[in-house]
């Protein structure tokens, strides 16, 4: 399964700046579903790209990450120009 994520990661990395909403959402969906089984893998991949990822990608991707990882990614995303996100009905601190 690692090979599949590596391939996805290459494709997704190249498409993070894509303006099409459904591509942004799809990247987030894959990250969200992967995070259910491998949250550390998703966290490592997304943290390095949080400033480039769209709001919708980040919002979807962090849904199942542990709270500390979710907050770390959201903080990095905000620090790099992303808007504050709402996850699971709770506003992030800040």
PDB file of N, CA and C in Angstrom:
ATOM      1  N   UNK A   1       0.814  -1.200   0.000  1.00  0.00           N
ATOM      2  CA  UNK A   1       0.000   0.000   0.000  1.00  0.00           C
ATOM      3  C   UNK A   1       0.855   1.260   0.000  1.00  0.00           C
ATOM      4  N   UNK A   2       2.049   1.172   0.539  1.00  0.00           N
ATOM      5  CA  UNK A   2       2.927   2.336   0.562  1.00  0.00           C
ATOM      6  C   UNK A   2       3.194   2.845  -0.845  1.00  0.00           C
ATOM      7  N   UNK A   3       3.418   1.935  -1.786  1.00  0.00           N
ATOM      8  CA  UNK A   3       3.669   2.334  -3.164  1.00  0.00           C
ATOM      9  C   UNK A   3       2.524   3.125  -3.756  1.00  0.00           C
ATOM     10  N   UNK A   4       1.288   2.758  -3.395  1.00  0.00           N
ATOM     11  CA  UNK A   4       0.129   3.489  -3.893  1.00  0.00           C
ATOM     12  C   UNK A   4       0.120   4.915  -3.356  1.00  0.00           C
ATOM     13  N   UNK A   5       0.449   5.077  -2.076  1.00  0.00           N
ATOM     14  CA  UNK A   5       0.473   6.429  -1.519  1.00  0.00           C
ATOM     15  C   UNK A   5       1.600   7.243  -2.135  1.00  0.00           C
ATOM     16  N   UNK A   6       2.735   6.608  -2.368  1.00  0.00           N
ATOM     17  CA  UNK A   6       3.855   7.321  -3.015  1.00  0.00           C
ATOM     18  C   UNK A   6       3.428   7.831  -4.388  1.00  0.00           C
ATOM     19  N   UNK A   7       2.752   7.013  -5.146  1.00  0.00           N
ATOM     20  CA  UNK A   7       2.285   7.431  -6.473  1.00  0.00           C
ATOM     21  C   UNK A   7       1.258   8.557  -6.341  1.00  0.00           C
ATOM     22  N   UNK A   8       0.287   8.366  -5.457  1.00  0.00           N
ATOM     23  CA  UNK A   8      -0.693   9.419  -5.214  1.00  0.00           C
ATOM     24  C   UNK A   8       0.011  10.715  -4.823  1.00  0.00           C
ATOM     25  N   UNK A   9       0.989  10.620  -3.912  1.00  0.00           N
ATOM     26  CA  UNK A   9       1.704  11.795  -3.435  1.00  0.00           C
ATOM     27  C   UNK A   9       2.372  12.571  -4.561  1.00  0.00           C
ATOM     28  N   UNK A  10       2.956  11.857  -5.509  1.00  0.00           N
ATOM     29  CA  UNK A  10       3.587  12.530  -6.658  1.00  0.00           C
ATOM     30  C   UNK A  10       2.542  13.263  -7.500  1.00  0.00           C
ATOM     31  N   UNK A  11       1.434  12.577  -7.780  1.00  0.00           N
ATOM     32  CA  UNK A  11       0.381  13.214  -8.582  1.00  0.00           C
ATOM     33  C   UNK A  11      -0.228  14.398  -7.837  1.00  0.00           C
ATOM     34  N   UNK A  12      -0.542  14.191  -6.570  1.00  0.00           N
ATOM     35  CA  UNK A  12      -1.195  15.242  -5.782  1.00  0.00           C
ATOM     36  C   UNK A  12      -0.277  16.445  -5.614  1.00  0.00           C
ATOM     37  N   UNK A  13       0.994  16.197  -5.379  1.00  0.00           N
ATOM     38  CA  UNK A  13       1.951  17.291  -5.220  1.00  0.00           C
ATOM     39  C   UNK A  13       1.966  18.174  -6.460  1.00  0.00           C
ATOM     40  N   UNK A  14       1.922  17.550  -7.610  1.00  0.00           N
ATOM     41  CA  UNK A  14       1.937  18.299  -8.866  1.00  0.00           C
ATOM     42  C   UNK A  14       0.629  19.060  -9.100  1.00  0.00           C
ATOM     43  N   UNK A  15      -0.449  18.651  -8.413  1.00  0.00           N
ATOM     44  CA  UNK A  15      -1.756  19.256  -8.659  1.00  0.00           C
ATOM     45  C   UNK A  15      -2.242  20.141  -7.508  1.00  0.00           C
ATOM     46  N   UNK A  16      -1.416  20.393  -6.514  1.00  0.00           N
ATOM     47  CA  UNK A  16      -1.864  21.197  -5.379  1.00  0.00           C
ATOM     48  C   UNK A  16      -2.270  22.613  -5.763  1.00  0.00           C
ATOM     49  N   UNK A  17      -1.704  23.142  -6.804  1.00  0.00           N
ATOM     50  CA  UNK A  17      -2.050  24.501  -7.222  1.00  0.00           C
ATOM     51  C   UNK A  17      -3.235  24.530  -8.196  1.00  0.00           C
ATOM     52  N   UNK A  18      -3.791  23.384  -8.498  1.00  0.00           N
ATOM     53  CA  UNK A  18      -4.943  23.286  -9.397  1.00  0.00           C
ATOM     54  C   UNK A  18      -6.101  24.132  -8.865  1.00  0.00           C
ATOM     55  N   UNK A  19      -6.756  24.855  -9.742  1.00  0.00           N
ATOM     56  CA  UNK A  19      -7.868  25.736  -9.343  1.00  0.00           C
ATOM     57  C   UNK A  19      -9.216  25.009  -9.327  1.00  0.00           C
ATOM     58  N   UNK A  20      -9.306  23.879  -9.975  1.00  0.00           N
ATOM     59  CA  UNK A  20     -10.568  23.135 -10.051  1.00  0.00           C
ATOM     60  C   UNK A  20     -10.961  22.593  -8.672  1.00  0.00           C
ATOM     61  N   UNK A  21     -12.130  23.000  -8.195  1.00  0.00           N
ATOM     62  CA  UNK A  21     -12.605  22.633  -6.863  1.00  0.00           C
ATOM     63  C   UNK A  21     -12.601  21.128  -6.637  1.00  0.00           C
ATOM     64  N   UNK A  22     -13.104  20.360  -7.589  1.00  0.00           N
ATOM     65  CA  UNK A  22     -13.246  18.924  -7.375  1.00  0.00           C
ATOM     66  C   UNK A  22     -11.905  18.199  -7.341  1.00  0.00           C
ATOM     67  N   UNK A  23     -10.899  18.729  -7.981  1.00  0.00           N
ATOM     68  CA  UNK A  23      -9.557  18.141  -7.856  1.00  0.00           C
ATOM     69  C   UNK A  23      -9.016  18.424  -6.462  1.00  0.00           C
ATOM     70  N   UNK A  24      -9.193  19.639  -5.991  1.00  0.00           N
ATOM     71  CA  UNK A  24      -8.755  19.978  -4.630  1.00  0.00           C
ATOM     72  C   UNK A  24      -9.468  19.104  -3.599  1.00  0.00           C
ATOM     73  N   UNK A  25     -10.763  18.944  -3.783  1.00  0.00           N
ATOM     74  CA  UNK A  25     -11.563  18.138  -2.859  1.00  0.00           C
ATOM     75  C   UNK A  25     -11.130  16.677  -2.921  1.00  0.00           C
ATOM     76  N   UNK A  26     -10.879  16.157  -4.114  1.00  0.00           N
ATOM     77  CA  UNK A  26     -10.479  14.756  -4.266  1.00  0.00           C
ATOM     78  C   UNK A  26      -9.143  14.479  -3.575  1.00  0.00           C
ATOM     79  N   UNK A  27      -8.208  15.401  -3.679  1.00  0.00           N
ATOM     80  CA  UNK A  27      -6.925  15.232  -2.976  1.00  0.00           C
ATOM     81  C   UNK A  27      -7.184  15.143  -1.478  1.00  0.00           C
ATOM     82  N   UNK A  28      -8.027  16.017  -0.979  1.00  0.00           N
ATOM     83  CA  UNK A  28      -8.378  15.982   0.435  1.00  0.00           C
ATOM     84  C   UNK A  28      -9.063  14.690   0.835  1.00  0.00           C
ATOM     85  N   UNK A  29      -9.935  14.164  -0.019  1.00  0.00           N
ATOM     86  CA  UNK A  29     -10.639  12.909   0.278  1.00  0.00           C
ATOM     87  C   UNK A  29      -9.662  11.752   0.408  1.00  0.00           C
ATOM     88  N   UNK A  30      -8.732  11.671  -0.526  1.00  0.00           N
ATOM     89  CA  UNK A  30      -7.749  10.580  -0.463  1.00  0.00           C
ATOM     90  C   UNK A  30      -6.914  10.702   0.811  1.00  0.00           C
ATOM     91  N   UNK A  31      -6.491  11.898   1.129  1.00  0.00           N
ATOM     92  CA  UNK A  31      -5.720  12.095   2.360  1.00  0.00           C
ATOM     93  C   UNK A  31      -6.563  11.751   3.584  1.00  0.00           C
ATOM     94  N   UNK A  32      -7.813  12.168   3.591  1.00  0.00           N
ATOM     95  CA  UNK A  32      -8.703  11.872   4.719  1.00  0.00           C
ATOM     96  C   UNK A  32      -8.870  10.368   4.906  1.00  0.00           C
ATOM     97  N   UNK A  33      -9.126   9.654   3.833  1.00  0.00           N
ATOM     98  CA  UNK A  33      -9.328   8.209   3.938  1.00  0.00           C
ATOM     99  C   UNK A  33      -8.041   7.484   4.330  1.00  0.00           C
ATOM    100  N   UNK A  34      -6.918   7.952   3.825  1.00  0.00           N
ATOM    101  CA  UNK A  34      -5.626   7.359   4.192  1.00  0.00           C
ATOM    102  C   UNK A  34      -5.332   7.609   5.668  1.00  0.00           C
ATOM    103  N   UNK A  35      -5.717   8.770   6.159  1.00  0.00           N
ATOM    104  CA  UNK A  35      -5.458   9.127   7.555  1.00  0.00           C
ATOM    105  C   UNK A  35      -6.171   8.205   8.534  1.00  0.00           C
ATOM    106  N   UNK A  36      -7.234   7.560   8.109  1.00  0.00           N
ATOM    107  CA  UNK A  36      -7.935   6.624   8.993  1.00  0.00           C
ATOM    108  C   UNK A  36      -7.038   5.457   9.385  1.00  0.00           C
ATOM    109  N   UNK A  37      -6.154   5.041   8.493  1.00  0.00           N
ATOM    110  CA  UNK A  37      -5.259   3.913   8.738  1.00  0.00           C
ATOM    111  C   UNK A  37      -3.817   4.335   8.996  1.00  0.00           C
ATOM    112  N   UNK A  38      -3.393   5.409   8.360  1.00  0.00           N
ATOM    113  CA  UNK A  38      -1.997   5.843   8.440  1.00  0.00           C
ATOM    114  C   UNK A  38      -1.895   7.345   8.687  1.00  0.00           C
ATOM    115  N   UNK A  39      -2.365   7.807   9.830  1.00  0.00           N
ATOM    116  CA  UNK A  39      -2.367   9.259  10.078  1.00  0.00           C
ATOM    117  C   UNK A  39      -0.985   9.884  10.055  1.00  0.00           C
ATOM    118  N   UNK A  40       0.029   9.170  10.534  1.00  0.00           N
ATOM    119  CA  UNK A  40       1.374   9.755  10.537  1.00  0.00           C
ATOM    120  C   UNK A  40       1.883   9.996   9.122  1.00  0.00           C
ATOM    121  N   UNK A  41       1.543   9.110   8.213  1.00  0.00           N
ATOM    122  CA  UNK A  41       1.963   9.248   6.811  1.00  0.00           C
ATOM    123  C   UNK A  41       1.334  10.492   6.198  1.00  0.00           C
ATOM    124  N   UNK A  42       0.045  10.669   6.434  1.00  0.00           N
ATOM    125  CA  UNK A  42      -0.658  11.841   5.914  1.00  0.00           C
ATOM    126  C   UNK A  42      -0.112  13.116   6.551  1.00  0.00           C
ATOM    127  N   UNK A  43       0.092  13.078   7.846  1.00  0.00           N
ATOM    128  CA  UNK A  43       0.611  14.250   8.558  1.00  0.00           C
ATOM    129  C   UNK A  43       1.959  14.688   7.980  1.00  0.00           C
ATOM    130  N   UNK A  44       2.870  13.758   7.822  1.00  0.00           N
ATOM    131  CA  UNK A  44       4.196  14.084   7.280  1.00  0.00           C
ATOM    132  C   UNK A  44       4.097  14.655   5.881  1.00  0.00           C
ATOM    133  N   UNK A  45       3.257  14.056   5.044  1.00  0.00           N
ATOM    134  CA  UNK A  45       3.129  14.505   3.662  1.00  0.00           C
ATOM    135  C   UNK A  45       2.511  15.904   3.615  1.00  0.00           C
ATOM    136  N   UNK A  46       1.421  16.100   4.358  1.00  0.00           N
ATOM    137  CA  UNK A  46       0.683  17.357   4.263  1.00  0.00           C
ATOM    138  C   UNK A  46       1.371  18.511   4.981  1.00  0.00           C
ATOM    139  N   UNK A  47       2.046  18.247   6.075  1.00  0.00           N
ATOM    140  CA  UNK A  47       2.684  19.337   6.814  1.00  0.00           C
ATOM    141  C   UNK A  47       3.679  20.094   5.938  1.00  0.00           C
ATOM    142  N   UNK A  48       4.433  19.382   5.113  1.00  0.00           N
ATOM    143  CA  UNK A  48       5.406  20.033   4.230  1.00  0.00           C
ATOM    144  C   UNK A  48       4.734  20.828   3.112  1.00  0.00           C
ATOM    145  N   UNK A  49       3.462  20.569   2.886  1.00  0.00           N
ATOM    146  CA  UNK A  49       2.757  21.210   1.773  1.00  0.00           C
ATOM    147  C   UNK A  49       1.580  22.064   2.227  1.00  0.00           C
ATOM    148  N   UNK A  50       1.425  22.261   3.516  1.00  0.00           N
ATOM    149  CA  UNK A  50       0.248  22.949   4.057  1.00  0.00           C
ATOM    150  C   UNK A  50       0.090  24.355   3.500  1.00  0.00           C
ATOM    151  N   UNK A  51       1.174  25.011   3.205  1.00  0.00           N
ATOM    152  CA  UNK A  51       1.100  26.356   2.659  1.00  0.00           C
ATOM    153  C   UNK A  51       0.670  26.408   1.210  1.00  0.00           C
ATOM    154  N   UNK A  52       0.824  25.306   0.501  1.00  0.00           N
ATOM    155  CA  UNK A  52       0.438  25.241  -0.913  1.00  0.00           C
ATOM    156  C   UNK A  52      -0.944  24.645  -1.115  1.00  0.00           C
ATOM    157  N   UNK A  53      -1.408  23.869  -0.147  1.00  0.00           N
ATOM    158  CA  UNK A  53      -2.691  23.181  -0.282  1.00  0.00           C
ATOM    159  C   UNK A  53      -3.844  24.162  -0.126  1.00  0.00           C
ATOM    160  N   UNK A  54      -4.920  23.898  -0.834  1.00  0.00           N
ATOM    161  CA  UNK A  54      -6.097  24.763  -0.743  1.00  0.00           C
ATOM    162  C   UNK A  54      -6.825  24.528   0.580  1.00  0.00           C
ATOM    163  N   UNK A  55      -7.682  25.464   0.907  1.00  0.00           N
ATOM    164  CA  UNK A  55      -8.476  25.341   2.128  1.00  0.00           C
ATOM    165  C   UNK A  55      -9.297  24.052   2.128  1.00  0.00           C
ATOM    166  N   UNK A  56      -9.932  23.750   1.007  1.00  0.00           N
ATOM    167  CA  UNK A  56     -10.781  22.553   0.963  1.00  0.00           C
ATOM    168  C   UNK A  56      -9.944  21.277   1.087  1.00  0.00           C
ATOM    169  N   UNK A  57      -8.775  21.254   0.500  1.00  0.00           N
ATOM    170  CA  UNK A  57      -7.899  20.089   0.621  1.00  0.00           C
ATOM    171  C   UNK A  57      -7.519  19.874   2.082  1.00  0.00           C
ATOM    172  N   UNK A  58      -7.096  20.927   2.730  1.00  0.00           N
ATOM    173  CA  UNK A  58      -6.687  20.824   4.134  1.00  0.00           C
ATOM    174  C   UNK A  58      -7.875  20.451   5.006  1.00  0.00           C
ATOM    175  N   UNK A  59      -8.999  21.096   4.800  1.00  0.00           N
ATOM    176  CA  UNK A  59     -10.192  20.816   5.604  1.00  0.00           C
ATOM    177  C   UNK A  59     -10.563  19.335   5.548  1.00  0.00           C
ATOM    178  N   UNK A  60     -10.552  18.755   4.365  1.00  0.00           N
ATOM    179  CA  UNK A  60     -10.872  17.329   4.233  1.00  0.00           C
ATOM    180  C   UNK A  60      -9.783  16.454   4.835  1.00  0.00           C
ATOM    181  N   UNK A  61      -8.543  16.799   4.564  1.00  0.00           N
ATOM    182  CA  UNK A  61      -7.420  15.937   4.951  1.00  0.00           C
ATOM    183  C   UNK A  61      -7.258  15.784   6.454  1.00  0.00           C
ATOM    184  N   UNK A  62      -7.571  16.810   7.221  1.00  0.00           N
ATOM    185  CA  UNK A  62      -7.291  16.768   8.660  1.00  0.00           C
ATOM    186  C   UNK A  62      -8.414  16.150   9.492  1.00  0.00           C
ATOM    187  N   UNK A  63      -9.514  15.809   8.895  1.00  0.00           N
ATOM    188  CA  UNK A  63     -10.684  15.354   9.654  1.00  0.00           C
ATOM    189  C   UNK A  63     -10.402  14.197  10.609  1.00  0.00           C
ATOM    190  N   UNK A  64      -9.579  13.245  10.213  1.00  0.00           N
ATOM    191  CA  UNK A  64      -9.341  12.069  11.055  1.00  0.00           C
ATOM    192  C   UNK A  64      -7.944  12.027  11.658  1.00  0.00           C
ATOM    193  N   UNK A  65      -7.225  13.113  11.567  1.00  0.00           N
ATOM    194  CA  UNK A  65      -5.913  13.159  12.210  1.00  0.00           C
ATOM    195  C   UNK A  65      -6.084  13.402  13.706  1.00  0.00           C
ATOM    196  N   UNK A  66      -5.159  12.912  14.515  1.00  0.00           N
ATOM    197  CA  UNK A  66      -5.198  13.242  15.940  1.00  0.00           C
ATOM    198  C   UNK A  66      -5.158  14.759  16.126  1.00  0.00           C
ATOM    199  N   UNK A  67      -5.743  15.233  17.199  1.00  0.00           N
ATOM    200  CA  UNK A  67      -5.896  16.675  17.440  1.00  0.00           C
ATOM    201  C   UNK A  67      -4.579  17.440  17.303  1.00  0.00           C
ATOM    202  N   UNK A  68      -3.506  16.941  17.894  1.00  0.00           N
ATOM    203  CA  UNK A  68      -2.220  17.663  17.833  1.00  0.00           C
ATOM    204  C   UNK A  68      -1.733  17.792  16.394  1.00  0.00           C
ATOM    205  N   UNK A  69      -1.858  16.745  15.599  1.00  0.00           N
ATOM    206  CA  UNK A  69      -1.439  16.802  14.202  1.00  0.00           C
ATOM    207  C   UNK A  69      -2.345  17.737  13.416  1.00  0.00           C
ATOM    208  N   UNK A  70      -3.641  17.651  13.668  1.00  0.00           N
ATOM    209  CA  UNK A  70      -4.595  18.522  12.970  1.00  0.00           C
ATOM    210  C   UNK A  70      -4.272  19.985  13.250  1.00  0.00           C
ATOM    211  N   UNK A  71      -4.069  20.325  14.515  1.00  0.00           N
ATOM    212  CA  UNK A  71      -3.787  21.715  14.869  1.00  0.00           C
ATOM    213  C   UNK A  71      -2.462  22.187  14.270  1.00  0.00           C
ATOM    214  N   UNK A  72      -1.469  21.325  14.224  1.00  0.00           N
ATOM    215  CA  UNK A  72      -0.174  21.680  13.648  1.00  0.00           C
ATOM    216  C   UNK A  72      -0.310  22.012  12.162  1.00  0.00           C
ATOM    217  N   UNK A  73      -1.054  21.200  11.438  1.00  0.00           N
ATOM    218  CA  UNK A  73      -1.250  21.448  10.009  1.00  0.00           C
ATOM    219  C   UNK A  73      -2.073  22.716   9.796  1.00  0.00           C
ATOM    220  N   UNK A  74      -3.132  22.888  10.568  1.00  0.00           N
ATOM    221  CA  UNK A  74      -3.950  24.091  10.417  1.00  0.00           C
ATOM    222  C   UNK A  74      -3.146  25.352  10.725  1.00  0.00           C
ATOM    223  N   UNK A  75      -2.292  25.298  11.739  1.00  0.00           N
ATOM    224  CA  UNK A  75      -1.453  26.453  12.065  1.00  0.00           C
ATOM    225  C   UNK A  75      -0.480  26.751  10.931  1.00  0.00           C
ATOM    226  N   UNK A  76       0.116  25.729  10.374  1.00  0.00           N
ATOM    227  CA  UNK A  76       1.040  25.920   9.252  1.00  0.00           C
ATOM    228  C   UNK A  76       0.299  26.477   8.037  1.00  0.00           C
ATOM    229  N   UNK A  77      -0.881  25.961   7.791  1.00  0.00           N
ATOM    230  CA  UNK A  77      -1.694  26.426   6.662  1.00  0.00           C
ATOM    231  C   UNK A  77      -2.036  27.910   6.830  1.00  0.00           C
ATOM    232  N   UNK A  78      -2.473  28.298   8.027  1.00  0.00           N
ATOM    233  CA  UNK A  78      -2.809  29.706   8.289  1.00  0.00           C
ATOM    234  C   UNK A  78      -1.571  30.591   8.170  1.00  0.00           C
ATOM    235  N   UNK A  79      -0.455  30.123   8.703  1.00  0.00           N
ATOM    236  CA  UNK A  79       0.778  30.919   8.677  1.00  0.00           C
ATOM    237  C   UNK A  79       1.257  31.173   7.248  1.00  0.00           C
ATOM    238  N   UNK A  80       0.854  30.309   6.338  1.00  0.00           N
ATOM    239  CA  UNK A  80       1.276  30.438   4.949  1.00  0.00           C
ATOM    240  C   UNK A  80       0.164  30.965   4.050  1.00  0.00           C
ATOM    241  N   UNK A  81      -0.792  31.660   4.646  1.00  0.00           N
ATOM    242  CA  UNK A  81      -1.805  32.317   3.836  1.00  0.00           C
ATOM    243  C   UNK A  81      -3.147  31.631   3.759  1.00  0.00           C
ATOM    244  N   UNK A  82      -3.310  30.462   4.368  1.00  0.00           N
ATOM    245  CA  UNK A  82      -4.603  29.793   4.362  1.00  0.00           C
ATOM    246  C   UNK A  82      -5.541  30.440   5.358  1.00  0.00           C
ATOM    247  N   UNK A  83      -6.813  30.296   5.115  1.00  0.00           N
ATOM    248  CA  UNK A  83      -7.807  30.832   6.042  1.00  0.00           C
ATOM    249  C   UNK A  83      -8.024  29.858   7.187  1.00  0.00           C
ATOM    250  N   UNK A  84      -8.454  30.345   8.357  1.00  0.00           N
ATOM    251  CA  UNK A  84      -8.774  29.448   9.469  1.00  0.00           C
ATOM    252  C   UNK A  84      -9.833  28.439   9.049  1.00  0.00           C
ATOM    253  N   UNK A  85      -9.692  27.232   9.513  1.00  0.00           N
ATOM    254  CA  UNK A  85     -10.599  26.153   9.151  1.00  0.00           C
ATOM    255  C   UNK A  85     -11.495  25.788  10.321  1.00  0.00           C
ATOM    256  N   UNK A  86     -12.631  25.212  10.013  1.00  0.00           N
ATOM    257  CA  UNK A  86     -13.486  24.615  11.038  1.00  0.00           C
ATOM    258  C   UNK A  86     -13.445  23.115  10.795  1.00  0.00           C
ATOM    259  N   UNK A  87     -13.154  22.370  11.863  1.00  0.00           N
ATOM    260  CA  UNK A  87     -13.109  20.916  11.732  1.00  0.00           C
ATOM    261  C   UNK A  87     -13.987  20.312  12.804  1.00  0.00           C
ATOM    262  N   UNK A  88     -14.873  19.438  12.399  1.00  0.00           N
ATOM    263  CA  UNK A  88     -15.778  18.744  13.309  1.00  0.00           C
ATOM    264  C   UNK A  88     -16.533  19.714  14.209  1.00  0.00           C
ATOM    265  N   UNK A  89     -16.910  20.861  13.666  1.00  0.00           N
ATOM    266  CA  UNK A  89     -17.703  21.821  14.403  1.00  0.00           C
ATOM    267  C   UNK A  89     -16.959  22.609  15.459  1.00  0.00           C
ATOM    268  N   UNK A  90     -15.649  22.479  15.517  1.00  0.00           N
ATOM    269  CA  UNK A  90     -14.851  23.185  16.507  1.00  0.00           C
ATOM    270  C   UNK A  90     -13.907  24.130  15.807  1.00  0.00           C
ATOM    271  N   UNK A  91     -13.950  25.384  16.178  1.00  0.00           N
ATOM    272  CA  UNK A  91     -13.026  26.351  15.585  1.00  0.00           C
ATOM    273  C   UNK A  91     -11.631  26.127  16.140  1.00  0.00           C
ATOM    274  N   UNK A  92     -10.602  26.162  15.297  1.00  0.00           N
ATOM    275  CA  UNK A  92      -9.236  26.024  15.799  1.00  0.00           C
ATOM    276  C   UNK A  92      -8.871  27.233  16.639  1.00  0.00           C
ATOM    277  N   UNK A  93      -7.999  27.029  17.624  1.00  0.00           N
ATOM    278  CA  UNK A  93      -7.581  28.166  18.445  1.00  0.00           C
ATOM    279  C   UNK A  93      -6.781  29.175  17.638  1.00  0.00           C
ATOM    280  N   UNK A  94      -6.747  30.380  18.111  1.00  0.00           N
ATOM    281  CA  UNK A  94      -5.893  31.309  17.421  1.00  0.00           C
ATOM    282  C   UNK A  94      -6.491  32.619  17.275  1.00  0.00           C
TER     283      UNK A  94
END
